[in-house]
N, C-alpha and C. Protein backbone atom coordinates (compact mmCIF):
# COMPACT_ATOMS: atom_id res chain seq x y z
N MET A 1 147.69 -97.76 -67.51
CA MET A 1 148.63 -96.75 -67.04
C MET A 1 148.42 -95.49 -67.86
N THR A 2 148.15 -94.38 -67.23
CA THR A 2 147.97 -93.11 -67.92
C THR A 2 149.30 -92.39 -67.94
N VAL A 3 149.95 -92.43 -69.08
CA VAL A 3 151.30 -91.91 -69.19
C VAL A 3 151.33 -90.40 -69.00
N ALA A 4 150.29 -89.70 -69.45
CA ALA A 4 150.29 -88.24 -69.36
C ALA A 4 150.36 -87.74 -67.93
N LYS A 5 149.88 -88.52 -66.97
CA LYS A 5 149.86 -88.08 -65.58
C LYS A 5 151.09 -88.54 -64.80
N ILE A 6 151.96 -89.30 -65.44
CA ILE A 6 153.11 -89.85 -64.74
C ILE A 6 154.38 -89.13 -65.19
N ASN A 7 155.15 -88.71 -64.23
CA ASN A 7 156.37 -87.96 -64.48
C ASN A 7 157.44 -88.80 -65.17
N ARG A 8 157.33 -90.14 -65.11
CA ARG A 8 158.37 -91.00 -65.64
C ARG A 8 158.12 -91.38 -67.10
N SER A 9 157.33 -90.61 -67.82
CA SER A 9 157.10 -90.91 -69.23
C SER A 9 158.03 -90.07 -70.09
N THR A 10 158.06 -90.40 -71.34
CA THR A 10 158.94 -89.70 -72.25
C THR A 10 158.21 -89.43 -73.55
N SER A 11 158.62 -88.44 -74.27
CA SER A 11 158.01 -88.13 -75.56
C SER A 11 158.96 -88.50 -76.69
N GLN A 12 159.62 -89.62 -76.53
CA GLN A 12 160.52 -90.15 -77.54
C GLN A 12 161.64 -89.19 -77.88
N SER A 13 162.25 -88.64 -76.86
CA SER A 13 163.38 -87.75 -77.08
C SER A 13 164.66 -88.54 -77.32
N GLN A 14 164.56 -89.85 -77.24
CA GLN A 14 165.70 -90.73 -77.43
C GLN A 14 165.49 -91.58 -78.68
N PRO A 15 166.58 -92.13 -79.23
CA PRO A 15 166.41 -93.05 -80.37
C PRO A 15 165.78 -94.36 -79.92
N LEU A 16 165.22 -95.11 -80.85
CA LEU A 16 164.55 -96.38 -80.55
C LEU A 16 165.46 -97.32 -79.77
N ASP A 17 166.73 -97.37 -80.11
CA ASP A 17 167.67 -98.27 -79.44
C ASP A 17 167.72 -98.02 -77.94
N TYR A 18 167.55 -96.78 -77.51
CA TYR A 18 167.53 -96.44 -76.09
C TYR A 18 166.40 -97.19 -75.38
N TYR A 19 165.20 -97.13 -75.95
CA TYR A 19 164.04 -97.78 -75.34
C TYR A 19 164.17 -99.30 -75.36
N LEU A 20 164.76 -99.83 -76.42
CA LEU A 20 164.92 -101.28 -76.53
C LEU A 20 165.87 -101.84 -75.47
N HIS A 21 166.73 -101.01 -74.94
CA HIS A 21 167.69 -101.47 -73.94
C HIS A 21 167.28 -101.16 -72.49
N LEU A 22 166.08 -100.59 -72.30
CA LEU A 22 165.59 -100.35 -70.95
C LEU A 22 165.19 -101.68 -70.31
N ASN A 23 165.31 -101.77 -69.01
CA ASN A 23 165.01 -103.00 -68.29
C ASN A 23 163.63 -102.90 -67.63
N TYR A 24 162.61 -103.42 -68.33
CA TYR A 24 161.25 -103.40 -67.82
C TYR A 24 161.00 -104.62 -66.93
N PRO A 25 160.39 -104.43 -65.75
CA PRO A 25 160.06 -105.59 -64.90
C PRO A 25 159.04 -106.49 -65.61
N ILE A 26 159.24 -107.79 -65.48
CA ILE A 26 158.36 -108.79 -66.08
C ILE A 26 157.72 -109.61 -64.96
N ASN A 27 156.42 -109.81 -65.05
CA ASN A 27 155.69 -110.65 -64.10
C ASN A 27 155.30 -111.94 -64.80
N PHE A 28 155.50 -113.07 -64.11
CA PHE A 28 155.14 -114.38 -64.63
C PHE A 28 154.02 -114.95 -63.78
N TYR A 29 153.01 -115.55 -64.45
CA TYR A 29 151.89 -116.16 -63.76
C TYR A 29 151.67 -117.56 -64.34
N PRO A 30 151.39 -118.54 -63.48
CA PRO A 30 151.04 -119.85 -64.02
C PRO A 30 149.71 -119.76 -64.76
N ASP A 31 149.62 -120.37 -65.93
CA ASP A 31 148.39 -120.41 -66.70
C ASP A 31 147.58 -121.61 -66.24
N PRO A 32 146.30 -121.43 -65.92
CA PRO A 32 145.48 -122.57 -65.47
C PRO A 32 145.43 -123.72 -66.48
N ASP A 33 145.61 -123.42 -67.76
CA ASP A 33 145.59 -124.45 -68.79
C ASP A 33 146.96 -125.05 -69.04
N GLY A 34 147.96 -124.61 -68.28
CA GLY A 34 149.33 -125.10 -68.43
C GLY A 34 150.24 -124.02 -68.97
N GLY A 35 151.50 -124.11 -68.62
CA GLY A 35 152.46 -123.12 -69.06
C GLY A 35 152.41 -121.86 -68.21
N TYR A 36 152.93 -120.78 -68.78
CA TYR A 36 153.06 -119.53 -68.04
C TYR A 36 152.68 -118.34 -68.91
N VAL A 37 152.14 -117.32 -68.27
CA VAL A 37 151.86 -116.04 -68.91
C VAL A 37 152.89 -115.06 -68.40
N ALA A 38 153.43 -114.25 -69.30
CA ALA A 38 154.38 -113.20 -68.94
C ALA A 38 153.77 -111.85 -69.31
N GLU A 39 153.97 -110.86 -68.43
CA GLU A 39 153.38 -109.55 -68.65
C GLU A 39 154.35 -108.46 -68.25
N ILE A 40 154.39 -107.40 -69.06
CA ILE A 40 155.12 -106.18 -68.70
C ILE A 40 154.06 -105.12 -68.44
N LYS A 41 153.78 -104.88 -67.16
CA LYS A 41 152.68 -103.98 -66.79
C LYS A 41 152.93 -102.55 -67.23
N ASP A 42 154.20 -102.14 -67.33
CA ASP A 42 154.51 -100.78 -67.75
C ASP A 42 154.13 -100.52 -69.21
N LEU A 43 154.06 -101.58 -70.01
CA LEU A 43 153.72 -101.47 -71.43
C LEU A 43 152.33 -102.06 -71.62
N ASN A 44 151.32 -101.22 -71.58
CA ASN A 44 149.92 -101.64 -71.59
C ASN A 44 149.62 -102.66 -72.69
N GLY A 45 149.17 -103.84 -72.28
CA GLY A 45 148.80 -104.89 -73.23
C GLY A 45 149.95 -105.76 -73.69
N CYS A 46 151.14 -105.57 -73.13
CA CYS A 46 152.31 -106.37 -73.54
C CYS A 46 152.30 -107.68 -72.75
N LEU A 47 151.78 -108.73 -73.38
CA LEU A 47 151.64 -110.05 -72.78
C LEU A 47 152.18 -111.10 -73.73
N SER A 48 152.57 -112.22 -73.16
CA SER A 48 152.97 -113.37 -73.96
C SER A 48 152.80 -114.61 -73.09
N GLN A 49 153.11 -115.76 -73.65
CA GLN A 49 153.00 -117.00 -72.88
C GLN A 49 154.00 -118.01 -73.42
N GLY A 50 154.16 -119.09 -72.66
CA GLY A 50 155.05 -120.16 -73.08
C GLY A 50 154.80 -121.40 -72.23
N ASP A 51 155.23 -122.54 -72.73
CA ASP A 51 155.06 -123.79 -71.99
C ASP A 51 155.94 -123.84 -70.75
N THR A 52 157.09 -123.15 -70.80
CA THR A 52 158.01 -123.08 -69.66
C THR A 52 158.26 -121.61 -69.36
N ILE A 53 158.83 -121.35 -68.18
CA ILE A 53 159.17 -119.96 -67.84
C ILE A 53 160.20 -119.42 -68.83
N GLU A 54 161.15 -120.27 -69.22
CA GLU A 54 162.18 -119.84 -70.17
C GLU A 54 161.56 -119.44 -71.51
N GLU A 55 160.60 -120.25 -71.98
CA GLU A 55 159.93 -119.94 -73.25
C GLU A 55 159.10 -118.66 -73.11
N ALA A 56 158.40 -118.51 -71.97
CA ALA A 56 157.62 -117.30 -71.74
C ALA A 56 158.53 -116.07 -71.69
N ALA A 57 159.73 -116.22 -71.10
CA ALA A 57 160.68 -115.10 -71.02
C ALA A 57 161.16 -114.71 -72.42
N THR A 58 161.47 -115.70 -73.23
CA THR A 58 161.90 -115.42 -74.60
C THR A 58 160.79 -114.72 -75.37
N ASN A 59 159.57 -115.22 -75.23
CA ASN A 59 158.43 -114.66 -75.96
C ASN A 59 158.07 -113.26 -75.49
N ILE A 60 158.18 -112.99 -74.19
CA ILE A 60 157.83 -111.65 -73.71
C ILE A 60 158.88 -110.63 -74.16
N ASN A 61 160.13 -111.06 -74.27
CA ASN A 61 161.15 -110.13 -74.77
C ASN A 61 160.91 -109.77 -76.22
N GLU A 62 160.45 -110.74 -77.01
CA GLU A 62 160.09 -110.45 -78.40
C GLU A 62 158.87 -109.52 -78.45
N ALA A 63 157.87 -109.78 -77.59
CA ALA A 63 156.68 -108.93 -77.53
C ALA A 63 157.04 -107.52 -77.10
N ARG A 64 157.99 -107.39 -76.14
CA ARG A 64 158.44 -106.07 -75.68
C ARG A 64 159.05 -105.29 -76.83
N GLU A 65 159.92 -105.95 -77.60
CA GLU A 65 160.56 -105.27 -78.73
C GLU A 65 159.52 -104.81 -79.75
N LEU A 66 158.57 -105.69 -80.07
CA LEU A 66 157.52 -105.31 -81.04
C LEU A 66 156.65 -104.18 -80.50
N TRP A 67 156.32 -104.22 -79.21
CA TRP A 67 155.51 -103.17 -78.59
C TRP A 67 156.23 -101.83 -78.71
N LEU A 68 157.52 -101.82 -78.34
CA LEU A 68 158.29 -100.57 -78.36
C LEU A 68 158.48 -100.05 -79.79
N GLU A 69 158.78 -100.95 -80.72
CA GLU A 69 158.97 -100.53 -82.11
C GLU A 69 157.69 -99.94 -82.68
N THR A 70 156.55 -100.56 -82.40
CA THR A 70 155.27 -100.07 -82.90
C THR A 70 154.93 -98.72 -82.29
N ALA A 71 155.09 -98.59 -80.97
CA ALA A 71 154.80 -97.32 -80.31
C ALA A 71 155.71 -96.22 -80.84
N TYR A 72 156.97 -96.54 -81.03
CA TYR A 72 157.94 -95.56 -81.52
C TYR A 72 157.58 -95.09 -82.93
N GLU A 73 157.26 -96.05 -83.81
CA GLU A 73 156.90 -95.72 -85.20
C GLU A 73 155.65 -94.86 -85.29
N HIS A 74 154.71 -95.06 -84.36
CA HIS A 74 153.46 -94.30 -84.37
C HIS A 74 153.54 -93.02 -83.55
N GLY A 75 154.67 -92.76 -82.93
CA GLY A 75 154.83 -91.55 -82.14
C GLY A 75 154.09 -91.59 -80.81
N ASP A 76 153.75 -92.78 -80.35
CA ASP A 76 153.05 -92.92 -79.07
C ASP A 76 154.00 -92.70 -77.91
N GLU A 77 153.44 -92.31 -76.77
CA GLU A 77 154.23 -92.16 -75.55
C GLU A 77 154.78 -93.52 -75.14
N ILE A 78 156.03 -93.55 -74.72
CA ILE A 78 156.64 -94.78 -74.23
C ILE A 78 157.02 -94.56 -72.77
N PRO A 79 156.34 -95.28 -71.86
CA PRO A 79 156.66 -95.12 -70.44
C PRO A 79 158.01 -95.71 -70.10
N LEU A 80 158.68 -95.11 -69.14
CA LEU A 80 159.93 -95.66 -68.65
C LEU A 80 159.62 -96.78 -67.66
N PRO A 81 160.55 -97.69 -67.43
CA PRO A 81 160.30 -98.79 -66.49
C PRO A 81 159.99 -98.27 -65.09
N SER A 82 159.04 -98.93 -64.43
CA SER A 82 158.73 -98.57 -63.06
C SER A 82 159.83 -99.08 -62.14
N LEU A 83 159.92 -98.46 -61.00
CA LEU A 83 160.93 -98.85 -60.02
C LEU A 83 160.26 -99.53 -58.85
N GLU A 84 160.93 -100.47 -58.24
CA GLU A 84 160.38 -101.16 -57.07
C GLU A 84 161.11 -100.72 -55.80
N THR A 85 161.59 -99.49 -55.77
CA THR A 85 162.36 -99.02 -54.63
C THR A 85 161.50 -98.74 -53.40
N ASP A 86 160.18 -98.74 -53.55
CA ASP A 86 159.30 -98.50 -52.43
C ASP A 86 159.18 -99.71 -51.51
N TYR A 87 159.69 -100.85 -51.95
CA TYR A 87 159.55 -102.09 -51.19
C TYR A 87 160.91 -102.64 -50.82
N SER A 88 161.14 -102.82 -49.54
CA SER A 88 162.45 -103.30 -49.08
C SER A 88 162.51 -104.82 -49.05
N GLY A 89 161.36 -105.48 -49.04
CA GLY A 89 161.35 -106.93 -48.90
C GLY A 89 161.31 -107.37 -47.44
N LYS A 90 161.27 -106.41 -46.54
CA LYS A 90 161.19 -106.72 -45.11
C LYS A 90 159.80 -106.35 -44.60
N LEU A 91 159.31 -107.16 -43.66
CA LEU A 91 157.98 -106.94 -43.11
C LEU A 91 157.98 -107.36 -41.65
N MET A 92 157.52 -106.47 -40.79
CA MET A 92 157.36 -106.80 -39.37
C MET A 92 155.92 -107.28 -39.19
N LEU A 93 155.76 -108.40 -38.52
CA LEU A 93 154.43 -108.98 -38.36
C LEU A 93 154.25 -109.48 -36.94
N ARG A 94 153.20 -109.02 -36.29
CA ARG A 94 152.88 -109.50 -34.95
C ARG A 94 151.73 -110.50 -35.08
N MET A 95 151.80 -111.56 -34.26
CA MET A 95 150.77 -112.58 -34.30
C MET A 95 150.59 -113.17 -32.91
N PRO A 96 149.49 -113.84 -32.68
CA PRO A 96 149.28 -114.50 -31.39
C PRO A 96 150.34 -115.58 -31.16
N LYS A 97 150.66 -115.80 -29.90
CA LYS A 97 151.69 -116.78 -29.54
C LYS A 97 151.34 -118.18 -30.05
N GLY A 98 150.08 -118.56 -29.97
CA GLY A 98 149.66 -119.88 -30.43
C GLY A 98 149.91 -120.08 -31.92
N LEU A 99 149.59 -119.05 -32.72
CA LEU A 99 149.83 -119.13 -34.16
C LEU A 99 151.32 -119.19 -34.45
N HIS A 100 152.10 -118.40 -33.74
CA HIS A 100 153.55 -118.41 -33.89
C HIS A 100 154.08 -119.82 -33.62
N HIS A 101 153.61 -120.44 -32.55
CA HIS A 101 154.04 -121.79 -32.19
C HIS A 101 153.67 -122.80 -33.28
N ARG A 102 152.42 -122.74 -33.78
CA ARG A 102 151.98 -123.67 -34.82
C ARG A 102 152.82 -123.52 -36.09
N LEU A 103 153.06 -122.27 -36.50
CA LEU A 103 153.84 -122.03 -37.71
C LEU A 103 155.28 -122.48 -37.54
N ALA A 104 155.87 -122.20 -36.38
CA ALA A 104 157.25 -122.63 -36.11
C ALA A 104 157.35 -124.15 -36.12
N THR A 105 156.35 -124.82 -35.58
CA THR A 105 156.34 -126.28 -35.56
C THR A 105 156.23 -126.84 -36.98
N LEU A 106 155.36 -126.26 -37.79
CA LEU A 106 155.21 -126.71 -39.18
C LEU A 106 156.50 -126.47 -39.97
N ALA A 107 157.14 -125.33 -39.75
CA ALA A 107 158.40 -125.03 -40.44
C ALA A 107 159.46 -126.06 -40.06
N LYS A 108 159.54 -126.38 -38.78
CA LYS A 108 160.51 -127.36 -38.31
C LYS A 108 160.23 -128.73 -38.94
N THR A 109 158.96 -129.11 -39.01
CA THR A 109 158.57 -130.37 -39.64
C THR A 109 159.02 -130.42 -41.10
N GLU A 110 158.95 -129.29 -41.79
CA GLU A 110 159.36 -129.20 -43.19
C GLU A 110 160.87 -129.05 -43.34
N GLY A 111 161.57 -128.80 -42.25
CA GLY A 111 163.02 -128.65 -42.29
C GLY A 111 163.50 -127.32 -42.86
N VAL A 112 162.67 -126.29 -42.67
CA VAL A 112 163.04 -124.95 -43.16
C VAL A 112 162.89 -123.95 -42.03
N SER A 113 163.43 -122.75 -42.24
CA SER A 113 163.28 -121.70 -41.24
C SER A 113 161.84 -121.19 -41.24
N LEU A 114 161.47 -120.52 -40.17
CA LEU A 114 160.14 -119.93 -40.10
C LEU A 114 159.96 -118.90 -41.22
N ASN A 115 160.99 -118.10 -41.49
CA ASN A 115 160.91 -117.13 -42.59
C ASN A 115 160.63 -117.81 -43.93
N GLN A 116 161.37 -118.89 -44.22
CA GLN A 116 161.18 -119.60 -45.48
C GLN A 116 159.77 -120.19 -45.56
N TYR A 117 159.29 -120.73 -44.45
CA TYR A 117 157.96 -121.32 -44.44
C TYR A 117 156.88 -120.27 -44.66
N LEU A 118 157.02 -119.12 -44.00
CA LEU A 118 156.04 -118.04 -44.19
C LEU A 118 156.07 -117.53 -45.64
N LEU A 119 157.26 -117.41 -46.22
CA LEU A 119 157.37 -116.99 -47.61
C LEU A 119 156.68 -117.99 -48.53
N PHE A 120 156.87 -119.28 -48.26
CA PHE A 120 156.20 -120.32 -49.03
C PHE A 120 154.68 -120.16 -48.93
N LEU A 121 154.17 -120.00 -47.71
CA LEU A 121 152.72 -119.87 -47.52
C LEU A 121 152.16 -118.64 -48.23
N LEU A 122 152.85 -117.52 -48.11
CA LEU A 122 152.39 -116.29 -48.76
C LEU A 122 152.45 -116.41 -50.28
N SER A 123 153.52 -116.99 -50.78
CA SER A 123 153.65 -117.17 -52.23
C SER A 123 152.57 -118.09 -52.77
N SER A 124 152.30 -119.18 -52.05
CA SER A 124 151.26 -120.12 -52.47
C SER A 124 149.89 -119.45 -52.47
N ALA A 125 149.63 -118.65 -51.47
CA ALA A 125 148.32 -118.00 -51.35
C ALA A 125 148.10 -116.94 -52.42
N THR A 126 149.18 -116.34 -52.93
CA THR A 126 149.02 -115.28 -53.93
C THR A 126 149.29 -115.77 -55.34
N GLY A 127 149.60 -117.05 -55.51
CA GLY A 127 149.80 -117.61 -56.84
C GLY A 127 151.11 -117.22 -57.47
N LYS A 128 152.10 -116.79 -56.70
CA LYS A 128 153.38 -116.33 -57.23
C LYS A 128 154.51 -117.22 -56.71
N LYS A 129 154.41 -118.50 -56.92
CA LYS A 129 155.42 -119.43 -56.40
C LYS A 129 156.78 -119.14 -57.02
N GLY A 130 157.79 -119.16 -56.17
CA GLY A 130 159.15 -118.99 -56.64
C GLY A 130 159.58 -117.55 -56.85
N GLU A 131 158.71 -116.58 -56.61
CA GLU A 131 159.10 -115.17 -56.81
C GLU A 131 159.98 -114.71 -55.69
N LYS A 132 161.00 -113.94 -56.03
CA LYS A 132 161.93 -113.41 -55.02
C LYS A 132 161.67 -111.95 -54.81
């Protein structure tokens, strides 16, 4: 992330406590070797891991604090949290009738709505199971 080109950056005009209380989005990924990796994409290189999602969440919050404290002490630019307002969570999708029928039948077999089944399939395909 190139902070100089983004309008949502700051030159530390606030005290450290201000940055420590900002709500940065966290992404969790399953680790192929087990456990989970947590990442704050807004803070370049801010990564952590844990055996459980809860442990990864605790560890990434500690990593976030250390990242912010170090950047603040060195006078580095600290980006503000990105916003996800560009995405409503709604998607219109057209498909062939045969595919619609097959998916609806599979959803019914699983005992879930077609929407829930499609969300499951998309989440599985992108490696982001359980993301809302």
